[in-house]
Amino acid sequence: MQPENWKLSGKFMIFDGYKVFYRTWGNPSGEPLVLLHGYPTSSWDFHKMADALGRQFFVITADFLGFGFSEKPKDYDYKISRQAALIEEVLDRIGIESYHIFAHDYGDTVAQELLALDLDRSNRDDVRIRSVCFLNGGLFPETHLARPIQKLLLGPMGYLICLLGSNRTFIRNFNAILGKKTQASMEELSHHWRLITHKGGKLRLHKLISYIPQRIEHRTRWVSCLNTHPCPKALINGSADPVSGTHMVKRYQQIVDHIDFLYQMPEIGHYPHTEAPQETATAFLRFHSELASDEEPPSRMTRTRRRSSPSRGELSL
């Protein structure tokens, strides 16, 4: 689906005084599933999996403020806590009380804040979030290997780096974090760049990347909820990712007490849902299939699925 069609099938709402793009589709009687996108892209990242997910779930997604088709205010404080509040506002508007999460990159951090908020407001027997599945992202700030461009954006010359940024620079940096055999096409890269630059978004990249120091500031809150929130959790990882690949998985195995589902793709990079959408969707649906057949309460699930070298084509929709 082209980004323009993605936009036409969505809606806008006001959050913190700014227009936010959101979109729903899928099985109206299915369980609600919230998709949380990464930096610096948008909810359109999930378009290759949209049909596969929509057959089972009622799917909700949004472009965070500063991303995609949402507004990109100059003087906004782009805190992860506000992006989490944005998602909750979307859910309240639609009338969703409990939901599952499927998150990537920046969205992983928003998901962690949503887990922490859920615990702040509830007891372990009355949480809103029913499960969460993480794709590649900086769940642990100590394992996040920032790219050179990210370090430059975080520095005192960040705004100048934004001004000098070009489509050519984006292509080089984006493909550097993908698998060698799953590089993005020029058409796909062009769509991503148009969404990034839409409404002046290129000039907000240095502000949006503040999520990296926020991960350090809130590490205790965001890492502890991986063990204290009772919902089942899955990790699907493109292990060829230089930012949050195999090394992040190893830390996940050290930190998380109950590994409900772990699936690794050795040749896939930072964007499993665009590089290998069918395999990623199938692994995600298998996680949910096992949840549906498990008779134990979520807080006591200890099932572990460690897969260091899955065979391509082994999973099918």
C-alpha atoms as a PDB file:
ATOM      1  CA  MET A   1       0.000   0.000   0.000  1.00  0.00           C
ATOM      2  CA  GLN A   2       1.317   3.437  -0.926  1.00  0.00           C
ATOM      3  CA  PRO A   3       1.618   6.015   1.883  1.00  0.00           C
ATOM      4  CA  GLU A   4      -1.046   8.159   0.252  1.00  0.00           C
ATOM      5  CA  ASN A   5      -3.558   5.293   0.413  1.00  0.00           C
ATOM      6  CA  TRP A   6      -2.493   4.585   4.000  1.00  0.00           C
ATOM      7  CA  LYS A   7      -3.336   8.195   4.831  1.00  0.00           C
ATOM      8  CA  LEU A   8      -6.674   8.158   2.999  1.00  0.00           C
ATOM      9  CA  SER A   9      -7.831   5.149   5.024  1.00  0.00           C
ATOM     10  CA  GLY A  10      -6.965   6.823   8.333  1.00  0.00           C
ATOM     11  CA  LYS A  11      -8.250   9.723  10.416  1.00  0.00           C
ATOM     12  CA  PHE A  12      -6.946  12.696  12.381  1.00  0.00           C
ATOM     13  CA  MET A  13      -7.566  13.762  15.964  1.00  0.00           C
ATOM     14  CA  ILE A  14      -6.243  16.538  18.177  1.00  0.00           C
ATOM     15  CA  PHE A  15      -3.710  15.756  20.905  1.00  0.00           C
ATOM     16  CA  ASP A  16      -1.936  18.464  22.917  1.00  0.00           C
ATOM     17  CA  GLY A  17      -3.324  20.942  20.399  1.00  0.00           C
ATOM     18  CA  TYR A  18      -1.831  19.194  17.347  1.00  0.00           C
ATOM     19  CA  LYS A  19      -3.235  16.947  14.625  1.00  0.00           C
ATOM     20  CA  VAL A  20      -2.361  13.283  15.023  1.00  0.00           C
ATOM     21  CA  PHE A  21      -2.850  10.662  12.332  1.00  0.00           C
ATOM     22  CA  TYR A  22      -4.269   7.280  13.319  1.00  0.00           C
ATOM     23  CA  ARG A  23      -5.671   4.310  11.482  1.00  0.00           C
ATOM     24  CA  THR A  24      -7.785   1.239  12.288  1.00  0.00           C
ATOM     25  CA  TRP A  25      -8.583  -1.867  10.243  1.00  0.00           C
ATOM     26  CA  GLY A  26      -9.105  -5.596  10.469  1.00  0.00           C
ATOM     27  CA  ASN A  27     -11.438  -7.986  12.209  1.00  0.00           C
ATOM     28  CA  PRO A  28     -14.072  -5.936  14.095  1.00  0.00           C
ATOM     29  CA  SER A  29     -14.666  -8.853  16.476  1.00  0.00           C
ATOM     30  CA  GLY A  30     -10.957  -9.566  16.953  1.00  0.00           C
ATOM     31  CA  GLU A  31      -8.902  -8.590  19.967  1.00  0.00           C
ATOM     32  CA  PRO A  32      -7.436  -5.053  19.755  1.00  0.00           C
ATOM     33  CA  LEU A  33      -3.801  -4.894  18.645  1.00  0.00           C
ATOM     34  CA  VAL A  34      -1.797  -1.664  18.853  1.00  0.00           C
ATOM     35  CA  LEU A  35       1.168  -1.195  16.486  1.00  0.00           C
ATOM     36  CA  LEU A  36       3.907   1.207  17.623  1.00  0.00           C
ATOM     37  CA  HIS A  37       6.401   2.358  14.996  1.00  0.00           C
ATOM     38  CA  GLY A  38      10.073   3.281  15.143  1.00  0.00           C
ATOM     39  CA  TYR A  39      12.393   6.244  14.579  1.00  0.00           C
ATOM     40  CA  PRO A  40      12.580   8.045  12.183  1.00  0.00           C
ATOM     41  CA  THR A  41       9.833   6.388  10.160  1.00  0.00           C
ATOM     42  CA  SER A  42       6.068   5.990  10.711  1.00  0.00           C
ATOM     43  CA  SER A  43       3.096   3.676  11.106  1.00  0.00           C
ATOM     44  CA  TRP A  44       3.349   2.948   7.363  1.00  0.00           C
ATOM     45  CA  ASP A  45       6.239   0.619   8.335  1.00  0.00           C
ATOM     46  CA  PHE A  46       3.616  -2.038   9.114  1.00  0.00           C
ATOM     47  CA  HIS A  47       1.854  -1.900   5.751  1.00  0.00           C
ATOM     48  CA  LYS A  48       3.375  -5.158   4.486  1.00  0.00           C
ATOM     49  CA  MET A  49       1.889  -7.018   7.467  1.00  0.00           C
ATOM     50  CA  ALA A  50      -1.428  -5.178   7.570  1.00  0.00           C
ATOM     51  CA  ASP A  51      -3.554  -7.886   5.938  1.00  0.00           C
ATOM     52  CA  ALA A  52      -2.001 -10.765   7.888  1.00  0.00           C
ATOM     53  CA  LEU A  53      -2.583  -9.000  11.214  1.00  0.00           C
ATOM     54  CA  GLY A  54      -6.021  -7.690  10.277  1.00  0.00           C
ATOM     55  CA  ARG A  55      -7.439 -11.152   9.618  1.00  0.00           C
ATOM     56  CA  GLN A  56      -7.165 -11.983  13.319  1.00  0.00           C
ATOM     57  CA  PHE A  57      -7.045  -8.639  15.147  1.00  0.00           C
ATOM     58  CA  PHE A  58      -8.759  -5.292  15.235  1.00  0.00           C
ATOM     59  CA  VAL A  59      -5.647  -3.230  14.535  1.00  0.00           C
ATOM     60  CA  ILE A  60      -4.929   0.309  15.737  1.00  0.00           C
ATOM     61  CA  THR A  61      -1.885   2.388  14.911  1.00  0.00           C
ATOM     62  CA  ALA A  62      -0.860   6.047  14.907  1.00  0.00           C
ATOM     63  CA  ASP A  63       1.968   8.282  13.842  1.00  0.00           C
ATOM     64  CA  PHE A  64       3.601   9.708  16.953  1.00  0.00           C
ATOM     65  CA  LEU A  65       3.876  13.484  17.089  1.00  0.00           C
ATOM     66  CA  GLY A  66       6.840  14.501  14.948  1.00  0.00           C
ATOM     67  CA  PHE A  67       6.490  11.481  12.654  1.00  0.00           C
ATOM     68  CA  GLY A  68       4.706  10.497   9.454  1.00  0.00           C
ATOM     69  CA  PHE A  69       1.444  12.311   8.781  1.00  0.00           C
ATOM     70  CA  SER A  70       1.092  13.720  12.309  1.00  0.00           C
ATOM     71  CA  GLU A  71       2.033  17.318  13.012  1.00  0.00           C
ATOM     72  CA  LYS A  72       5.667  18.125  13.773  1.00  0.00           C
ATOM     73  CA  PRO A  73       5.663  21.173  16.036  1.00  0.00           C
ATOM     74  CA  LYS A  74       8.874  23.137  16.435  1.00  0.00           C
ATOM     75  CA  ASP A  75       8.551  23.930  20.123  1.00  0.00           C
ATOM     76  CA  TYR A  76       7.159  20.651  21.431  1.00  0.00           C
ATOM     77  CA  ASP A  77       8.752  18.624  24.218  1.00  0.00           C
ATOM     78  CA  TYR A  78       9.016  15.214  22.555  1.00  0.00           C
ATOM     79  CA  LYS A  79       8.918  13.084  25.680  1.00  0.00           C
ATOM     80  CA  ILE A  80       8.188   9.363  25.505  1.00  0.00           C
ATOM     81  CA  SER A  81       5.609   9.905  28.255  1.00  0.00           C
ATOM     82  CA  ARG A  82       3.636  12.230  25.943  1.00  0.00           C
ATOM     83  CA  GLN A  83       3.806   9.748  23.062  1.00  0.00           C
ATOM     84  CA  ALA A  84       2.437   7.068  25.393  1.00  0.00           C
ATOM     85  CA  ALA A  85      -0.332   9.475  26.422  1.00  0.00           C
ATOM     86  CA  LEU A  86      -1.075  10.018  22.727  1.00  0.00           C
ATOM     87  CA  ILE A  87      -1.613   6.285  22.227  1.00  0.00           C
ATOM     88  CA  GLU A  88      -3.890   6.104  25.250  1.00  0.00           C
ATOM     89  CA  GLU A  89      -5.874   9.055  23.877  1.00  0.00           C
ATOM     90  CA  VAL A  90      -6.357   7.239  20.570  1.00  0.00           C
ATOM     91  CA  LEU A  91      -7.500   4.112  22.396  1.00  0.00           C
ATOM     92  CA  ASP A  92      -9.919   6.075  24.574  1.00  0.00           C
ATOM     93  CA  ARG A  93     -11.336   7.784  21.502  1.00  0.00           C
ATOM     94  CA  ILE A  94     -12.028   4.419  19.871  1.00  0.00           C
ATOM     95  CA  GLY A  95     -13.316   2.893  23.100  1.00  0.00           C
ATOM     96  CA  ILE A  96     -10.594   0.280  23.647  1.00  0.00           C
ATOM     97  CA  GLU A  97     -10.183  -0.925  27.229  1.00  0.00           C
ATOM     98  CA  SER A  98      -7.664  -3.762  26.909  1.00  0.00           C
ATOM     99  CA  TYR A  99      -5.257  -4.503  24.093  1.00  0.00           C
ATOM    100  CA  HIS A 100      -2.129  -6.242  22.799  1.00  0.00           C
ATOM    101  CA  ILE A 101       1.006  -4.398  21.640  1.00  0.00           C
ATOM    102  CA  PHE A 102       3.348  -5.024  18.700  1.00  0.00           C
ATOM    103  CA  ALA A 103       6.211  -2.516  18.830  1.00  0.00           C
ATOM    104  CA  HIS A 104       9.425  -1.609  17.030  1.00  0.00           C
ATOM    105  CA  ASP A 105      12.460   0.544  17.946  1.00  0.00           C
ATOM    106  CA  TYR A 106      11.174   3.910  19.319  1.00  0.00           C
ATOM    107  CA  GLY A 107       7.844   2.142  19.744  1.00  0.00           C
ATOM    108  CA  ASP A 108       9.516  -0.392  22.060  1.00  0.00           C
ATOM    109  CA  THR A 109      10.302   2.450  24.464  1.00  0.00           C
ATOM    110  CA  VAL A 110       6.747   3.791  24.218  1.00  0.00           C
ATOM    111  CA  ALA A 111       5.518   0.246  24.937  1.00  0.00           C
ATOM    112  CA  GLN A 112       7.715   0.089  28.036  1.00  0.00           C
ATOM    113  CA  GLU A 113       6.203   3.351  29.294  1.00  0.00           C
ATOM    114  CA  LEU A 114       2.703   2.000  28.592  1.00  0.00           C
ATOM    115  CA  LEU A 115       3.549  -1.125  30.628  1.00  0.00           C
ATOM    116  CA  ALA A 116       4.814   1.058  33.481  1.00  0.00           C
ATOM    117  CA  LEU A 117       1.706   3.268  33.330  1.00  0.00           C
ATOM    118  CA  ASP A 118      -0.486   0.174  33.385  1.00  0.00           C
ATOM    119  CA  LEU A 119       1.204  -0.949  36.605  1.00  0.00           C
ATOM    120  CA  ASP A 120       0.977   2.562  38.091  1.00  0.00           C
ATOM    121  CA  ARG A 121      -2.807   2.508  37.720  1.00  0.00           C
ATOM    122  CA  SER A 122      -3.655  -1.147  38.281  1.00  0.00           C
ATOM    123  CA  ASN A 123      -2.851  -4.197  40.306  1.00  0.00           C
ATOM    124  CA  ARG A 124      -1.361  -7.247  38.627  1.00  0.00           C
ATOM    125  CA  ASP A 125      -4.790  -8.835  38.238  1.00  0.00           C
ATOM    126  CA  ASP A 126      -6.409  -5.853  36.519  1.00  0.00           C
ATOM    127  CA  VAL A 127      -4.026  -4.653  33.798  1.00  0.00           C
ATOM    128  CA  ARG A 128      -5.101  -3.278  30.405  1.00  0.00           C
ATOM    129  CA  ILE A 129      -2.218  -4.642  28.347  1.00  0.00           C
ATOM    130  CA  ARG A 130      -2.764  -8.319  27.540  1.00  0.00           C
ATOM    131  CA  SER A 131       0.539  -9.026  25.795  1.00  0.00           C
ATOM    132  CA  VAL A 132       3.453  -7.241  24.164  1.00  0.00           C
ATOM    133  CA  CYS A 133       5.745  -8.262  21.320  1.00  0.00           C
ATOM    134  CA  PHE A 134       8.961  -6.331  20.766  1.00  0.00           C
ATOM    135  CA  LEU A 135      10.858  -6.066  17.505  1.00  0.00           C
ATOM    136  CA  ASN A 136      14.407  -4.689  17.352  1.00  0.00           C
ATOM    137  CA  GLY A 137      14.878  -1.746  19.667  1.00  0.00           C
ATOM    138  CA  GLY A 138      16.814  -0.339  22.602  1.00  0.00           C
ATOM    139  CA  LEU A 139      15.056  -2.089  25.462  1.00  0.00           C
ATOM    140  CA  PHE A 140      18.267  -1.717  27.469  1.00  0.00           C
ATOM    141  CA  PRO A 141      20.235   1.530  27.025  1.00  0.00           C
ATOM    142  CA  GLU A 142      23.505  -0.222  27.834  1.00  0.00           C
ATOM    143  CA  THR A 143      23.186  -2.429  24.747  1.00  0.00           C
ATOM    144  CA  HIS A 144      22.014   0.233  22.297  1.00  0.00           C
ATOM    145  CA  LEU A 145      24.829   0.843  19.801  1.00  0.00           C
ATOM    146  CA  ALA A 146      23.995   4.270  18.425  1.00  0.00           C
ATOM    147  CA  ARG A 147      24.932   4.928  14.810  1.00  0.00           C
ATOM    148  CA  PRO A 148      27.313   7.814  13.998  1.00  0.00           C
ATOM    149  CA  ILE A 149      24.445   9.870  12.550  1.00  0.00           C
ATOM    150  CA  GLN A 150      22.486   9.426  15.788  1.00  0.00           C
ATOM    151  CA  LYS A 151      25.428  10.657  17.847  1.00  0.00           C
ATOM    152  CA  LEU A 152      25.722  13.707  15.607  1.00  0.00           C
ATOM    153  CA  LEU A 153      22.021  14.478  15.945  1.00  0.00           C
ATOM    154  CA  LEU A 154      22.320  14.256  19.736  1.00  0.00           C
ATOM    155  CA  GLY A 155      25.253  16.670  19.781  1.00  0.00           C
ATOM    156  CA  PRO A 156      25.345  20.490  19.829  1.00  0.00           C
ATOM    157  CA  MET A 157      25.303  20.588  16.012  1.00  0.00           C
ATOM    158  CA  GLY A 158      22.169  18.452  15.783  1.00  0.00           C
ATOM    159  CA  TYR A 159      20.038  21.101  14.087  1.00  0.00           C
ATOM    160  CA  LEU A 160      22.749  21.747  11.487  1.00  0.00           C
ATOM    161  CA  ILE A 161      22.914  18.015  10.759  1.00  0.00           C
ATOM    162  CA  CYS A 162      19.151  18.108  10.138  1.00  0.00           C
ATOM    163  CA  LEU A 163      19.544  21.022   7.731  1.00  0.00           C
ATOM    164  CA  LEU A 164      22.268  19.209   5.799  1.00  0.00           C
ATOM    165  CA  GLY A 165      20.396  15.897   5.706  1.00  0.00           C
ATOM    166  CA  SER A 166      19.426  14.603   2.287  1.00  0.00           C
ATOM    167  CA  ASN A 167      17.687  11.666   0.682  1.00  0.00           C
ATOM    168  CA  ARG A 168      21.114  10.280  -0.282  1.00  0.00           C
ATOM    169  CA  THR A 169      22.306  10.436   3.335  1.00  0.00           C
ATOM    170  CA  PHE A 170      19.105   8.767   4.525  1.00  0.00           C
ATOM    171  CA  ILE A 171      19.465   5.917   2.002  1.00  0.00           C
ATOM    172  CA  ARG A 172      23.041   5.248   3.070  1.00  0.00           C
ATOM    173  CA  ASN A 173      22.241   5.246   6.795  1.00  0.00           C
ATOM    174  CA  PHE A 174      19.004   3.295   6.491  1.00  0.00           C
ATOM    175  CA  ASN A 175      20.371   0.453   4.390  1.00  0.00           C
ATOM    176  CA  ALA A 176      23.379   0.195   6.732  1.00  0.00           C
ATOM    177  CA  ILE A 177      21.131  -1.210   9.465  1.00  0.00           C
ATOM    178  CA  LEU A 178      19.263  -3.678   7.239  1.00  0.00           C
ATOM    179  CA  GLY A 179      20.325  -7.202   6.325  1.00  0.00           C
ATOM    180  CA  LYS A 180      22.725  -7.497   3.395  1.00  0.00           C
ATOM    181  CA  LYS A 181      20.192  -9.546   1.420  1.00  0.00           C
ATOM    182  CA  THR A 182      17.126  -7.523   2.436  1.00  0.00           C
ATOM    183  CA  GLN A 183      18.028  -3.966   1.456  1.00  0.00           C
ATOM    184  CA  ALA A 184      15.122  -1.596   0.878  1.00  0.00           C
ATOM    185  CA  SER A 185      14.154  -0.719  -2.683  1.00  0.00           C
ATOM    186  CA  MET A 186      14.608   2.812  -3.956  1.00  0.00           C
ATOM    187  CA  GLU A 187      10.842   3.205  -4.133  1.00  0.00           C
ATOM    188  CA  GLU A 188      10.407   2.192  -0.489  1.00  0.00           C
ATOM    189  CA  LEU A 189      13.245   4.470   0.613  1.00  0.00           C
ATOM    190  CA  SER A 190      11.684   7.337  -1.316  1.00  0.00           C
ATOM    191  CA  HIS A 191       8.372   6.806   0.471  1.00  0.00           C
ATOM    192  CA  HIS A 192      10.088   6.761   3.874  1.00  0.00           C
ATOM    193  CA  TRP A 193      11.958   9.966   3.086  1.00  0.00           C
ATOM    194  CA  ARG A 194       8.787  11.763   1.966  1.00  0.00           C
ATOM    195  CA  LEU A 195       7.104  10.776   5.234  1.00  0.00           C
ATOM    196  CA  ILE A 196      10.105  11.949   7.258  1.00  0.00           C
ATOM    197  CA  THR A 197      10.248  15.323   5.512  1.00  0.00           C
ATOM    198  CA  HIS A 198       6.461  15.820   5.456  1.00  0.00           C
ATOM    199  CA  LYS A 199       5.502  19.071   7.227  1.00  0.00           C
ATOM    200  CA  GLY A 200       9.117  19.947   7.973  1.00  0.00           C
ATOM    201  CA  GLY A 201       9.846  16.739   9.835  1.00  0.00           C
ATOM    202  CA  LYS A 202      13.484  16.616   8.753  1.00  0.00           C
ATOM    203  CA  LEU A 203      14.118  19.624  11.014  1.00  0.00           C
ATOM    204  CA  ARG A 204      12.723  17.796  14.056  1.00  0.00           C
ATOM    205  CA  LEU A 205      14.966  14.721  13.932  1.00  0.00           C
ATOM    206  CA  HIS A 206      17.399  16.116  16.504  1.00  0.00           C
ATOM    207  CA  LYS A 207      14.501  16.714  18.904  1.00  0.00           C
ATOM    208  CA  LEU A 208      12.882  13.340  18.334  1.00  0.00           C
ATOM    209  CA  ILE A 209      16.120  11.479  19.002  1.00  0.00           C
ATOM    210  CA  SER A 210      16.014  12.675  22.611  1.00  0.00           C
ATOM    211  CA  TYR A 211      14.442   9.265  23.292  1.00  0.00           C
ATOM    212  CA  ILE A 212      17.993   7.875  23.566  1.00  0.00           C
ATOM    213  CA  PRO A 213      18.989   9.892  26.680  1.00  0.00           C
ATOM    214  CA  GLN A 214      15.450   9.409  28.010  1.00  0.00           C
ATOM    215  CA  ARG A 215      16.110   5.650  27.996  1.00  0.00           C
ATOM    216  CA  ILE A 216      19.066   6.220  30.302  1.00  0.00           C
ATOM    217  CA  GLU A 217      17.137   8.600  32.559  1.00  0.00           C
ATOM    218  CA  HIS A 218      14.192   6.209  32.964  1.00  0.00           C
ATOM    219  CA  ARG A 219      16.064   2.913  32.747  1.00  0.00           C
ATOM    220  CA  THR A 220      14.875   1.582  36.117  1.00  0.00           C
ATOM    221  CA  ARG A 221      11.211   2.280  35.323  1.00  0.00           C
ATOM    222  CA  TRP A 222      11.305   0.974  31.761  1.00  0.00           C
ATOM    223  CA  VAL A 223      13.442  -2.111  32.332  1.00  0.00           C
ATOM    224  CA  SER A 224      11.837  -3.242  35.589  1.00  0.00           C
ATOM    225  CA  CYS A 225       8.371  -3.389  33.987  1.00  0.00           C
ATOM    226  CA  LEU A 226       9.632  -6.167  31.706  1.00  0.00           C
ATOM    227  CA  ASN A 227       9.559  -8.397  34.775  1.00  0.00           C
ATOM    228  CA  THR A 228       6.909  -6.779  36.956  1.00  0.00           C
ATOM    229  CA  HIS A 229       4.112  -6.477  34.390  1.00  0.00           C
ATOM    230  CA  PRO A 230       2.324  -9.847  34.262  1.00  0.00           C
ATOM    231  CA  CYS A 231       1.420  -9.920  30.569  1.00  0.00           C
ATOM    232  CA  PRO A 232       3.169 -12.424  28.254  1.00  0.00           C
ATOM    233  CA  LYS A 233       6.051 -10.898  26.315  1.00  0.00           C
ATOM    234  CA  ALA A 234       7.683 -11.882  23.034  1.00  0.00           C
ATOM    235  CA  LEU A 235      10.837 -10.779  21.267  1.00  0.00           C
ATOM    236  CA  ILE A 236      11.215 -11.154  17.497  1.00  0.00           C
ATOM    237  CA  ASN A 237      14.675 -10.063  16.450  1.00  0.00           C
ATOM    238  CA  GLY A 238      16.562  -9.425  13.261  1.00  0.00           C
ATOM    239  CA  SER A 239      19.932 -10.609  14.519  1.00  0.00           C
ATOM    240  CA  ALA A 240      22.010  -8.963  11.762  1.00  0.00           C
ATOM    241  CA  ASP A 241      21.024  -5.556  13.139  1.00  0.00           C
ATOM    242  CA  PRO A 242      24.138  -3.601  14.225  1.00  0.00           C
ATOM    243  CA  VAL A 243      22.030  -1.427  16.552  1.00  0.00           C
ATOM    244  CA  SER A 244      19.969  -3.941  18.540  1.00  0.00           C
ATOM    245  CA  GLY A 245      20.595  -7.406  17.129  1.00  0.00           C
ATOM    246  CA  THR A 246      22.146 -10.473  18.760  1.00  0.00           C
ATOM    247  CA  HIS A 247      23.825  -8.486  21.538  1.00  0.00           C
ATOM    248  CA  MET A 248      20.457  -7.084  22.646  1.00  0.00           C
ATOM    249  CA  VAL A 249      18.921 -10.572  22.622  1.00  0.00           C
ATOM    250  CA  LYS A 250      21.658 -11.803  24.954  1.00  0.00           C
ATOM    251  CA  ARG A 251      20.906  -8.960  27.361  1.00  0.00           C
ATOM    252  CA  TYR A 252      17.183  -9.732  27.124  1.00  0.00           C
ATOM    253  CA  GLN A 253      17.906 -13.311  28.151  1.00  0.00           C
ATOM    254  CA  GLN A 254      19.935 -12.065  31.123  1.00  0.00           C
ATOM    255  CA  ILE A 255      17.392  -9.504  32.333  1.00  0.00           C
ATOM    256  CA  VAL A 256      13.935 -10.930  31.610  1.00  0.00           C
ATOM    257  CA  ASP A 257      12.895 -13.639  34.066  1.00  0.00           C
ATOM    258  CA  HIS A 258      10.221 -15.314  31.935  1.00  0.00           C
ATOM    259  CA  ILE A 259      10.923 -15.599  28.221  1.00  0.00           C
ATOM    260  CA  ASP A 260       7.532 -16.460  26.798  1.00  0.00           C
ATOM    261  CA  PHE A 261       8.561 -16.374  23.131  1.00  0.00           C
ATOM    262  CA  LEU A 262      11.841 -15.602  21.384  1.00  0.00           C
ATOM    263  CA  TYR A 263      12.363 -15.813  17.634  1.00  0.00           C
ATOM    264  CA  GLN A 264      15.548 -14.783  15.840  1.00  0.00           C
ATOM    265  CA  MET A 265      16.228 -14.230  12.145  1.00  0.00           C
ATOM    266  CA  PRO A 266      19.998 -14.399  11.526  1.00  0.00           C
ATOM    267  CA  GLU A 267      20.091 -12.565   8.168  1.00  0.00           C
ATOM    268  CA  ILE A 268      17.550  -9.846   8.965  1.00  0.00           C
ATOM    269  CA  GLY A 269      18.471  -6.388  10.211  1.00  0.00           C
ATOM    270  CA  HIS A 270      16.775  -3.635  12.180  1.00  0.00           C
ATOM    271  CA  TYR A 271      13.411  -3.674  10.354  1.00  0.00           C
ATOM    272  CA  PRO A 272      12.102  -7.288  10.420  1.00  0.00           C
ATOM    273  CA  HIS A 273       8.564  -6.173   9.517  1.00  0.00           C
ATOM    274  CA  THR A 274       9.724  -4.579   6.251  1.00  0.00           C
ATOM    275  CA  GLU A 275      12.650  -6.898   5.444  1.00  0.00           C
ATOM    276  CA  ALA A 276      10.842 -10.202   6.120  1.00  0.00           C
ATOM    277  CA  PRO A 277       7.171  -9.312   6.660  1.00  0.00           C
ATOM    278  CA  GLN A 278       5.713 -12.790   6.129  1.00  0.00           C
ATOM    279  CA  GLU A 279       8.140 -14.514   8.470  1.00  0.00           C
ATOM    280  CA  THR A 280       7.747 -11.780  11.065  1.00  0.00           C
ATOM    281  CA  ALA A 281       3.945 -11.892  10.893  1.00  0.00           C
ATOM    282  CA  THR A 282       3.933 -15.681  11.128  1.00  0.00           C
ATOM    283  CA  ALA A 283       6.194 -15.670  14.178  1.00  0.00           C
ATOM    284  CA  PHE A 284       3.966 -13.045  15.808  1.00  0.00           C
ATOM    285  CA  LEU A 285       0.813 -15.055  15.078  1.00  0.00           C
ATOM    286  CA  ARG A 286       2.454 -18.195  16.418  1.00  0.00           C
ATOM    287  CA  PHE A 287       3.142 -16.346  19.684  1.00  0.00           C
ATOM    288  CA  HIS A 288      -0.545 -15.474  19.925  1.00  0.00           C
ATOM    289  CA  SER A 289      -1.617 -18.970  18.940  1.00  0.00           C
ATOM    290  CA  GLU A 290       0.395 -20.362  21.827  1.00  0.00           C
ATOM    291  CA  LEU A 291      -1.118 -17.782  24.185  1.00  0.00           C
ATOM    292  CA  ALA A 292      -4.601 -18.878  23.169  1.00  0.00           C
ATOM    293  CA  SER A 293      -3.811 -22.526  23.873  1.00  0.00           C
ATOM    294  CA  ASP A 294      -1.998 -21.938  27.157  1.00  0.00           C
ATOM    295  CA  GLU A 295      -4.109 -22.635  30.219  1.00  0.00           C
ATOM    296  CA  GLU A 296      -1.777 -20.988  32.723  1.00  0.00           C
ATOM    297  CA  PRO A 297      -2.366 -17.430  33.942  1.00  0.00           C
ATOM    298  CA  PRO A 298      -0.133 -14.980  32.033  1.00  0.00           C
ATOM    299  CA  SER A 299       1.807 -13.984  35.153  1.00  0.00           C
ATOM    300  CA  ARG A 300       3.008 -17.570  35.583  1.00  0.00           C
ATOM    301  CA  MET A 301       3.923 -18.354  31.997  1.00  0.00           C
ATOM    302  CA  THR A 302       7.504 -19.596  31.786  1.00  0.00           C
ATOM    303  CA  ARG A 303       7.539 -21.136  28.314  1.00  0.00           C
ATOM    304  CA  THR A 304      10.770 -20.376  26.457  1.00  0.00           C
ATOM    305  CA  ARG A 305      11.244 -20.499  22.700  1.00  0.00           C
ATOM    306  CA  ARG A 306      14.876 -19.793  21.869  1.00  0.00           C
ATOM    307  CA  ARG A 307      15.648 -20.037  18.177  1.00  0.00           C
ATOM    308  CA  SER A 308      19.134 -19.056  17.135  1.00  0.00           C
ATOM    309  CA  SER A 309      18.971 -20.214  13.535  1.00  0.00           C
ATOM    310  CA  PRO A 310      15.432 -20.760  12.234  1.00  0.00           C
ATOM    311  CA  SER A 311      15.045 -22.133   8.733  1.00  0.00           C
ATOM    312  CA  ARG A 312      13.631 -19.726   6.177  1.00  0.00           C
ATOM    313  CA  GLY A 313      10.229 -20.814   4.957  1.00  0.00           C
ATOM    314  CA  GLU A 314       9.670 -22.949   8.037  1.00  0.00           C
ATOM    315  CA  LEU A 315       6.787 -20.754   9.119  1.00  0.00           C
ATOM    316  CA  SER A 316       3.861 -20.122   6.831  1.00  0.00           C
ATOM    317  CA  LEU A 317       0.725 -18.025   7.025  1.00  0.00           C
END
